[in-house]
Every structure is written in structure tokens, then in C-alpha cells.
């Protein structure tokens, strides 16, 4: 009866630090998981960019938001002062026009009449769209001129 009912004091002392270490590990992993979840949530929220047509931007007027506007270049609307990089042009969705202001290098296919232009930037109250980046969607089909055969 003496050996079985007797618990050694060293066994009880070792179980308490193990329990504290496990609790600390669980708390640390929980805090790390919450911090990582918050980081991922805020990163994806800031990377979200809304995609609009020209008419939707003019109608909704999304102030202070980073948005993308899809449209076609209005013929003869492109202007740039010689020696400067700021360009002004209009995009249209077929029914509505929007003045764009862009300071940078214009992509090669920008002036192709069949290309769609995606301008990323912000809309301002004065009715202009300040472009940060321009993407040009290449036409899906290039068609050559039809020549008459004799």
C-alpha cells in the first residue's frame, strides 16, 4: 500500500511547467493566426480595383477610389505638348466620353482603332480621370483590307 498511493513530488512539478508551456504556445499560435488573417484581409482589400465602363464612371462618379475604366480612344482627341510627357485624350464606350489625363509613356498599340484601352486611376469632381497606368487590349482578330480581284 505504501508504493501505489504515494506520488513523487518531482512528477507533479514537471506537469505544471509543461501545461504552462502548452498554454503559451497555443496563445502565441492564436495571436499569430489572427495577425496573419488581418494582414491577408487588408492586403486583398487594398489590391481590389473596380472595373467600370466610361458611362458607369460618369454616372457613378467614384471619387477617391482606384478604378479601371474600359473604353476606346476617341479619334483625334489625343493631345500632348511637344517635349512634355503629359497627355490628354478621351475614352468612349460608344455613347459617353470621358477626358483622361496621363503623364507617362503611351503603349505601342494605343492608337490602333481596334484596341480597347483600360485606364487605371482616379476620377475627380471636375469631370476628369487622372490615369496612373494604361493597359491596351489587343484586338482578338486582325483583319486585312479586302482587295478587289480582277
C-alpha atoms as a PDB file:
ATOM      1  CA  UNK A   1       0.000   0.000   0.000  1.00  0.00           C
ATOM      2  CA  UNK A   2       2.898   2.323   0.509  1.00  0.00           C
ATOM      3  CA  UNK A   3       4.218   2.396  -3.115  1.00  0.00           C
ATOM      4  CA  UNK A   4       0.971   2.770  -5.059  1.00  0.00           C
ATOM      5  CA  UNK A   5      -0.665   5.598  -3.120  1.00  0.00           C
ATOM      6  CA  UNK A   6       2.481   7.666  -2.941  1.00  0.00           C
ATOM      7  CA  UNK A   7       3.089  10.158  -5.801  1.00  0.00           C
ATOM      8  CA  UNK A   8       6.545  11.534  -6.116  1.00  0.00           C
ATOM      9  CA  UNK A   9       6.816  15.354  -5.866  1.00  0.00           C
ATOM     10  CA  UNK A  10       9.038  15.584  -8.957  1.00  0.00           C
ATOM     11  CA  UNK A  11       6.249  14.241 -11.205  1.00  0.00           C
ATOM     12  CA  UNK A  12       3.815  16.926 -10.040  1.00  0.00           C
ATOM     13  CA  UNK A  13       6.364  19.681 -10.505  1.00  0.00           C
ATOM     14  CA  UNK A  14       7.141  18.677 -14.101  1.00  0.00           C
ATOM     15  CA  UNK A  15       3.489  18.575 -15.228  1.00  0.00           C
ATOM     16  CA  UNK A  16       2.829  22.207 -14.287  1.00  0.00           C
ATOM     17  CA  UNK A  17       5.597  23.764 -16.483  1.00  0.00           C
ATOM     18  CA  UNK A  18       4.531  21.567 -19.417  1.00  0.00           C
ATOM     19  CA  UNK A  19       0.963  22.816 -19.055  1.00  0.00           C
ATOM     20  CA  UNK A  20       2.179  26.444 -18.931  1.00  0.00           C
ATOM     21  CA  UNK A  21       4.381  25.911 -21.994  1.00  0.00           C
ATOM     22  CA  UNK A  22       1.476  24.408 -23.942  1.00  0.00           C
ATOM     23  CA  UNK A  23      -0.784  27.311 -22.955  1.00  0.00           C
ATOM     24  CA  UNK A  24       1.835  29.837 -24.065  1.00  0.00           C
ATOM     25  CA  UNK A  25       2.284  28.011 -27.377  1.00  0.00           C
ATOM     26  CA  UNK A  26      -1.479  27.964 -28.009  1.00  0.00           C
ATOM     27  CA  UNK A  27      -1.747  31.681 -27.211  1.00  0.00           C
ATOM     28  CA  UNK A  28       1.230  32.529 -29.446  1.00  0.00           C
ATOM     29  CA  UNK A  29      -0.174  30.490 -32.350  1.00  0.00           C
ATOM     30  CA  UNK A  30      -3.612  32.097 -31.908  1.00  0.00           C
ATOM     31  CA  UNK A  31      -2.134  35.616 -31.933  1.00  0.00           C
ATOM     32  CA  UNK A  32      -0.013  34.729 -34.981  1.00  0.00           C
ATOM     33  CA  UNK A  33      -3.062  33.323 -36.782  1.00  0.00           C
ATOM     34  CA  UNK A  34      -5.143  36.436 -36.059  1.00  0.00           C
ATOM     35  CA  UNK A  35      -2.313  38.737 -37.174  1.00  0.00           C
ATOM     36  CA  UNK A  36      -1.805  36.748 -40.394  1.00  0.00           C
ATOM     37  CA  UNK A  37      -5.547  36.753 -41.116  1.00  0.00           C
ATOM     38  CA  UNK A  38      -5.713  40.532 -40.611  1.00  0.00           C
ATOM     39  CA  UNK A  39      -2.694  41.057 -42.876  1.00  0.00           C
ATOM     40  CA  UNK A  40      -4.202  38.934 -45.656  1.00  0.00           C
ATOM     41  CA  UNK A  41      -7.583  40.662 -45.355  1.00  0.00           C
ATOM     42  CA  UNK A  42      -6.104  44.169 -45.576  1.00  0.00           C
ATOM     43  CA  UNK A  43      -3.761  43.187 -48.416  1.00  0.00           C
ATOM     44  CA  UNK A  44      -6.608  41.830 -50.540  1.00  0.00           C
ATOM     45  CA  UNK A  45      -8.870  44.788 -49.731  1.00  0.00           C
ATOM     46  CA  UNK A  46      -6.244  47.296 -50.895  1.00  0.00           C
ATOM     47  CA  UNK A  47      -5.495  45.280 -54.032  1.00  0.00           C
ATOM     48  CA  UNK A  48      -9.132  45.284 -55.097  1.00  0.00           C
ATOM     49  CA  UNK A  49      -9.729  47.529 -58.111  1.00  0.00           C
ATOM     50  CA  UNK A  50     -13.199  48.091 -59.530  1.00  0.00           C
ATOM     51  CA  UNK A  51     -13.712  47.766 -63.288  1.00  0.00           C
ATOM     52  CA  UNK A  52     -16.097  50.245 -64.960  1.00  0.00           C
ATOM     53  CA  UNK A  53     -17.169  51.353 -68.406  1.00  0.00           C
ATOM     54  CA  UNK A  54     -16.879  55.033 -69.314  1.00  0.00           C
ATOM     55  CA  UNK A  55     -20.629  55.538 -68.819  1.00  0.00           C
ATOM     56  CA  UNK A  56     -20.556  53.937 -65.356  1.00  0.00           C
ATOM     57  CA  UNK A  57     -17.732  56.244 -64.221  1.00  0.00           C
ATOM     58  CA  UNK A  58     -19.538  59.348 -65.450  1.00  0.00           C
ATOM     59  CA  UNK A  59     -22.808  58.218 -63.833  1.00  0.00           C
ATOM     60  CA  UNK A  60     -21.458  56.831 -60.525  1.00  0.00           C
ATOM     61  CA  UNK A  61     -18.568  59.304 -60.078  1.00  0.00           C
ATOM     62  CA  UNK A  62     -16.390  57.004 -57.903  1.00  0.00           C
ATOM     63  CA  UNK A  63     -14.363  59.684 -56.035  1.00  0.00           C
ATOM     64  CA  UNK A  64     -11.184  58.751 -54.183  1.00  0.00           C
ATOM     65  CA  UNK A  65     -11.293  55.152 -55.408  1.00  0.00           C
ATOM     66  CA  UNK A  66      -8.763  53.403 -57.581  1.00  0.00           C
ATOM     67  CA  UNK A  67     -10.761  52.142 -60.564  1.00  0.00           C
ATOM     68  CA  UNK A  68     -10.199  50.782 -64.053  1.00  0.00           C
ATOM     69  CA  UNK A  69     -12.069  52.274 -66.977  1.00  0.00           C
ATOM     70  CA  UNK A  70     -12.534  50.352 -70.207  1.00  0.00           C
ATOM     71  CA  UNK A  71     -13.146  52.170 -73.487  1.00  0.00           C
ATOM     72  CA  UNK A  72     -11.935  53.105 -76.939  1.00  0.00           C
ATOM     73  CA  UNK A  73      -9.888  56.129 -77.912  1.00  0.00           C
ATOM     74  CA  UNK A  74     -11.961  58.928 -79.419  1.00  0.00           C
ATOM     75  CA  UNK A  75     -10.470  59.777 -82.824  1.00  0.00           C
ATOM     76  CA  UNK A  76      -8.394  62.986 -82.884  1.00  0.00           C
ATOM     77  CA  UNK A  77      -8.787  63.552 -79.126  1.00  0.00           C
ATOM     78  CA  UNK A  78      -5.158  62.837 -78.209  1.00  0.00           C
ATOM     79  CA  UNK A  79      -3.103  65.945 -77.388  1.00  0.00           C
ATOM     80  CA  UNK A  80       0.360  66.363 -75.945  1.00  0.00           C
ATOM     81  CA  UNK A  81       2.505  69.472 -75.734  1.00  0.00           C
ATOM     82  CA  UNK A  82       5.799  68.953 -77.561  1.00  0.00           C
ATOM     83  CA  UNK A  83       8.593  67.994 -75.181  1.00  0.00           C
ATOM     84  CA  UNK A  84       6.268  67.046 -72.307  1.00  0.00           C
ATOM     85  CA  UNK A  85       5.003  63.675 -71.127  1.00  0.00           C
ATOM     86  CA  UNK A  86       1.501  64.689 -70.012  1.00  0.00           C
ATOM     87  CA  UNK A  87      -1.150  63.573 -72.474  1.00  0.00           C
ATOM     88  CA  UNK A  88      -4.862  64.328 -72.655  1.00  0.00           C
ATOM     89  CA  UNK A  89      -7.314  62.159 -74.529  1.00  0.00           C
ATOM     90  CA  UNK A  90     -10.885  60.944 -74.398  1.00  0.00           C
ATOM     91  CA  UNK A  91     -12.199  57.420 -74.000  1.00  0.00           C
ATOM     92  CA  UNK A  92     -15.673  56.357 -75.023  1.00  0.00           C
ATOM     93  CA  UNK A  93     -17.904  53.363 -74.531  1.00  0.00           C
ATOM     94  CA  UNK A  94     -19.855  54.266 -77.659  1.00  0.00           C
ATOM     95  CA  UNK A  95     -22.249  56.701 -76.028  1.00  0.00           C
ATOM     96  CA  UNK A  96     -20.355  58.593 -73.296  1.00  0.00           C
ATOM     97  CA  UNK A  97     -16.959  60.323 -73.399  1.00  0.00           C
ATOM     98  CA  UNK A  98     -14.530  60.912 -70.535  1.00  0.00           C
ATOM     99  CA  UNK A  99     -11.448  63.157 -70.504  1.00  0.00           C
ATOM    100  CA  UNK A 100      -8.291  61.334 -69.392  1.00  0.00           C
ATOM    101  CA  UNK A 101      -5.061  62.916 -68.155  1.00  0.00           C
ATOM    102  CA  UNK A 102      -1.965  60.709 -68.211  1.00  0.00           C
ATOM    103  CA  UNK A 103       1.661  61.526 -67.515  1.00  0.00           C
ATOM    104  CA  UNK A 104       3.849  58.778 -68.911  1.00  0.00           C
ATOM    105  CA  UNK A 105       4.771  56.635 -71.873  1.00  0.00           C
ATOM    106  CA  UNK A 106       1.942  55.632 -74.200  1.00  0.00           C
ATOM    107  CA  UNK A 107       1.864  51.915 -75.192  1.00  0.00           C
ATOM    108  CA  UNK A 108       2.517  50.954 -78.840  1.00  0.00           C
ATOM    109  CA  UNK A 109      -0.995  49.774 -79.748  1.00  0.00           C
ATOM    110  CA  UNK A 110      -2.686  52.762 -78.085  1.00  0.00           C
ATOM    111  CA  UNK A 111      -3.590  54.410 -81.403  1.00  0.00           C
ATOM    112  CA  UNK A 112      -4.870  51.230 -83.075  1.00  0.00           C
ATOM    113  CA  UNK A 113      -8.585  51.910 -83.750  1.00  0.00           C
ATOM    114  CA  UNK A 114      -9.478  48.300 -82.885  1.00  0.00           C
ATOM    115  CA  UNK A 115      -7.721  48.253 -79.497  1.00  0.00           C
ATOM    116  CA  UNK A 116      -9.554  48.564 -76.211  1.00  0.00           C
ATOM    117  CA  UNK A 117      -7.882  50.765 -73.631  1.00  0.00           C
ATOM    118  CA  UNK A 118      -8.001  50.146 -69.893  1.00  0.00           C
ATOM    119  CA  UNK A 119      -7.042  53.181 -67.811  1.00  0.00           C
ATOM    120  CA  UNK A 120      -6.369  52.696 -64.101  1.00  0.00           C
ATOM    121  CA  UNK A 121      -6.576  55.746 -61.852  1.00  0.00           C
ATOM    122  CA  UNK A 122      -8.990  58.080 -60.065  1.00  0.00           C
ATOM    123  CA  UNK A 123     -11.984  60.140 -61.129  1.00  0.00           C
ATOM    124  CA  UNK A 124     -12.063  63.772 -59.994  1.00  0.00           C
ATOM    125  CA  UNK A 125     -15.053  66.060 -59.459  1.00  0.00           C
ATOM    126  CA  UNK A 126     -14.131  68.366 -62.336  1.00  0.00           C
ATOM    127  CA  UNK A 127     -15.023  65.510 -64.681  1.00  0.00           C
ATOM    128  CA  UNK A 128     -11.521  64.285 -65.475  1.00  0.00           C
ATOM    129  CA  UNK A 129      -9.938  60.929 -64.897  1.00  0.00           C
ATOM    130  CA  UNK A 130      -6.298  61.011 -63.772  1.00  0.00           C
ATOM    131  CA  UNK A 131      -4.630  57.893 -65.121  1.00  0.00           C
ATOM    132  CA  UNK A 132      -1.851  56.102 -63.226  1.00  0.00           C
ATOM    133  CA  UNK A 133      -1.442  53.188 -65.637  1.00  0.00           C
ATOM    134  CA  UNK A 134      -2.606  52.332 -69.156  1.00  0.00           C
ATOM    135  CA  UNK A 135      -3.204  48.836 -70.491  1.00  0.00           C
ATOM    136  CA  UNK A 136      -4.044  48.161 -74.115  1.00  0.00           C
ATOM    137  CA  UNK A 137      -6.063  45.087 -75.008  1.00  0.00           C
ATOM    138  CA  UNK A 138      -5.069  43.829 -78.417  1.00  0.00           C
ATOM    139  CA  UNK A 139      -7.888  43.100 -80.828  1.00  0.00           C
ATOM    140  CA  UNK A 140      -8.750  39.423 -80.966  1.00  0.00           C
ATOM    141  CA  UNK A 141      -8.760  39.377 -84.745  1.00  0.00           C
ATOM    142  CA  UNK A 142      -6.730  41.418 -87.135  1.00  0.00           C
ATOM    143  CA  UNK A 143      -8.489  41.738 -90.427  1.00  0.00           C
ATOM    144  CA  UNK A 144      -6.721  42.897 -93.525  1.00  0.00           C
ATOM    145  CA  UNK A 145      -8.149  45.185 -96.140  1.00  0.00           C
ATOM    146  CA  UNK A 146     -10.245  43.491 -98.750  1.00  0.00           C
ATOM    147  CA  UNK A 147      -8.758  43.962-102.213  1.00  0.00           C
ATOM    148  CA  UNK A 148     -10.733  43.609-105.368  1.00  0.00           C
ATOM    149  CA  UNK A 149      -9.548  40.906-107.709  1.00  0.00           C
ATOM    150  CA  UNK A 150      -9.817  41.401-111.447  1.00  0.00           C
END
